[in-house]
Structure formats: C-alpha cells, structure tokens
C-alpha cells in the first residue's frame, strides 16, 4: 500500500494517495513515511 500511495502521489492523485497511506497505516501503524504524508496538509 505504501508503494501504491507513492505512485499515486507521482500521478498527482493526492486524495487517493492519502487514502492509500491511511490503509498502509492500518496494516503497519508505525510507518514513518505514511505518518508524515498524512500529517502534511495538501
């Protein structure tokens, strides 16, 4: 999910990427990259 979120960010789909980052955190709640991405406001 984390890599998928990065791909979405690269394609300019920020809202979808945030959803994928949140999904990644449900599987692994301590992913720093996902936590940082969700902390940033678009």
N, C-alpha and C. Protein backbone atom coordinates (compact mmCIF):
# COMPACT_ATOMS: atom_id res chain seq x y z
N UNK A 1 0.82 -1.19 0.00
CA UNK A 1 0.00 0.00 0.00
C UNK A 1 0.87 1.25 0.00
N UNK A 2 1.97 1.21 0.71
CA UNK A 2 2.84 2.39 0.78
C UNK A 2 3.38 2.74 -0.60
N UNK A 3 3.82 1.74 -1.33
CA UNK A 3 4.36 1.99 -2.66
C UNK A 3 3.27 2.45 -3.61
N UNK A 4 2.10 1.90 -3.48
CA UNK A 4 0.96 2.33 -4.29
C UNK A 4 0.65 3.79 -4.02
N UNK A 5 0.70 4.20 -2.77
CA UNK A 5 0.46 5.60 -2.41
C UNK A 5 1.50 6.50 -3.05
N UNK A 6 2.75 6.07 -3.06
CA UNK A 6 3.81 6.86 -3.69
C UNK A 6 3.56 7.01 -5.19
N UNK A 7 3.10 5.95 -5.83
CA UNK A 7 2.77 6.01 -7.25
C UNK A 7 1.64 7.00 -7.49
N UNK A 8 0.62 6.94 -6.65
CA UNK A 8 -0.49 7.87 -6.77
C UNK A 8 -0.04 9.31 -6.61
N UNK A 9 0.84 9.56 -5.67
CA UNK A 9 1.38 10.91 -5.50
C UNK A 9 2.10 11.37 -6.76
N UNK A 10 2.85 10.48 -7.34
CA UNK A 10 3.58 10.81 -8.56
C UNK A 10 2.66 11.13 -9.72
N UNK A 11 1.48 10.54 -9.71
CA UNK A 11 0.50 10.77 -10.77
C UNK A 11 -0.38 11.98 -10.47
N UNK A 12 -0.19 12.59 -9.32
CA UNK A 12 -0.97 13.78 -8.98
C UNK A 12 -2.31 13.49 -8.32
N UNK A 13 -2.51 12.28 -7.84
CA UNK A 13 -3.76 11.90 -7.20
C UNK A 13 -3.56 11.95 -5.68
N UNK A 14 -3.50 13.16 -5.14
CA UNK A 14 -3.18 13.33 -3.72
C UNK A 14 -4.25 12.75 -2.80
N UNK A 15 -5.52 12.93 -3.11
CA UNK A 15 -6.58 12.41 -2.24
C UNK A 15 -6.54 10.89 -2.19
N UNK A 16 -6.34 10.27 -3.33
CA UNK A 16 -6.26 8.81 -3.37
C UNK A 16 -5.01 8.31 -2.66
N UNK A 17 -3.92 9.06 -2.78
CA UNK A 17 -2.68 8.68 -2.11
C UNK A 17 -2.87 8.74 -0.59
N UNK A 18 -3.56 9.77 -0.10
CA UNK A 18 -3.81 9.86 1.34
C UNK A 18 -4.62 8.66 1.82
N UNK A 19 -5.58 8.21 1.03
CA UNK A 19 -6.37 7.03 1.38
C UNK A 19 -5.46 5.79 1.45
N UNK A 20 -4.57 5.66 0.48
CA UNK A 20 -3.65 4.52 0.46
C UNK A 20 -2.67 4.58 1.63
N UNK A 21 -2.18 5.78 1.96
CA UNK A 21 -1.30 5.92 3.13
C UNK A 21 -2.06 5.50 4.40
N UNK A 22 -3.30 5.91 4.53
CA UNK A 22 -4.10 5.54 5.70
C UNK A 22 -4.30 4.02 5.75
N UNK A 23 -4.53 3.42 4.61
CA UNK A 23 -4.69 1.96 4.56
C UNK A 23 -3.39 1.27 4.97
N UNK A 24 -2.25 1.80 4.53
CA UNK A 24 -0.96 1.23 4.91
C UNK A 24 -0.77 1.30 6.43
N UNK A 25 -1.22 2.40 7.02
CA UNK A 25 -1.08 2.53 8.48
C UNK A 25 -1.97 1.56 9.24
N UNK A 26 -3.07 1.12 8.66
CA UNK A 26 -3.88 0.12 9.35
C UNK A 26 -3.15 -1.22 9.42
N UNK A 27 -2.28 -1.47 8.42
CA UNK A 27 -1.52 -2.71 8.40
C UNK A 27 -0.24 -2.60 9.22
N UNK A 28 0.37 -1.43 9.20
CA UNK A 28 1.62 -1.21 9.92
C UNK A 28 1.57 0.20 10.50
N UNK A 29 1.12 0.34 11.73
CA UNK A 29 0.84 1.66 12.31
C UNK A 29 2.06 2.53 12.57
N UNK A 30 3.26 2.04 12.33
CA UNK A 30 4.45 2.83 12.65
C UNK A 30 5.27 3.19 11.41
N UNK A 31 4.64 3.21 10.24
CA UNK A 31 5.37 3.58 9.03
C UNK A 31 5.61 5.09 9.02
N UNK A 32 6.86 5.50 9.17
CA UNK A 32 7.14 6.93 9.25
C UNK A 32 6.72 7.69 8.00
N UNK A 33 6.94 7.11 6.83
CA UNK A 33 6.60 7.82 5.59
C UNK A 33 5.09 8.05 5.50
N UNK A 34 4.30 7.07 5.85
CA UNK A 34 2.85 7.21 5.79
C UNK A 34 2.37 8.22 6.83
N UNK A 35 2.94 8.17 8.02
CA UNK A 35 2.55 9.11 9.06
C UNK A 35 2.90 10.54 8.65
N UNK A 36 4.07 10.72 8.07
CA UNK A 36 4.48 12.05 7.62
C UNK A 36 3.58 12.56 6.49
N UNK A 37 3.24 11.68 5.57
CA UNK A 37 2.39 12.08 4.45
C UNK A 37 1.01 12.51 4.92
N UNK A 38 0.48 11.82 5.91
CA UNK A 38 -0.85 12.18 6.41
C UNK A 38 -0.80 13.41 7.30
N UNK A 39 0.36 13.70 7.88
CA UNK A 39 0.50 14.89 8.72
C UNK A 39 0.58 16.15 7.86
N UNK A 40 1.10 16.01 6.64
CA UNK A 40 1.19 17.16 5.72
C UNK A 40 -0.18 17.48 5.17
N UNK A 41 -0.49 18.77 5.16
CA UNK A 41 -1.76 19.21 4.59
C UNK A 41 -1.55 19.58 3.14
N UNK A 42 -2.37 19.04 2.24
CA UNK A 42 -2.20 19.35 0.80
C UNK A 42 -2.47 20.79 0.47
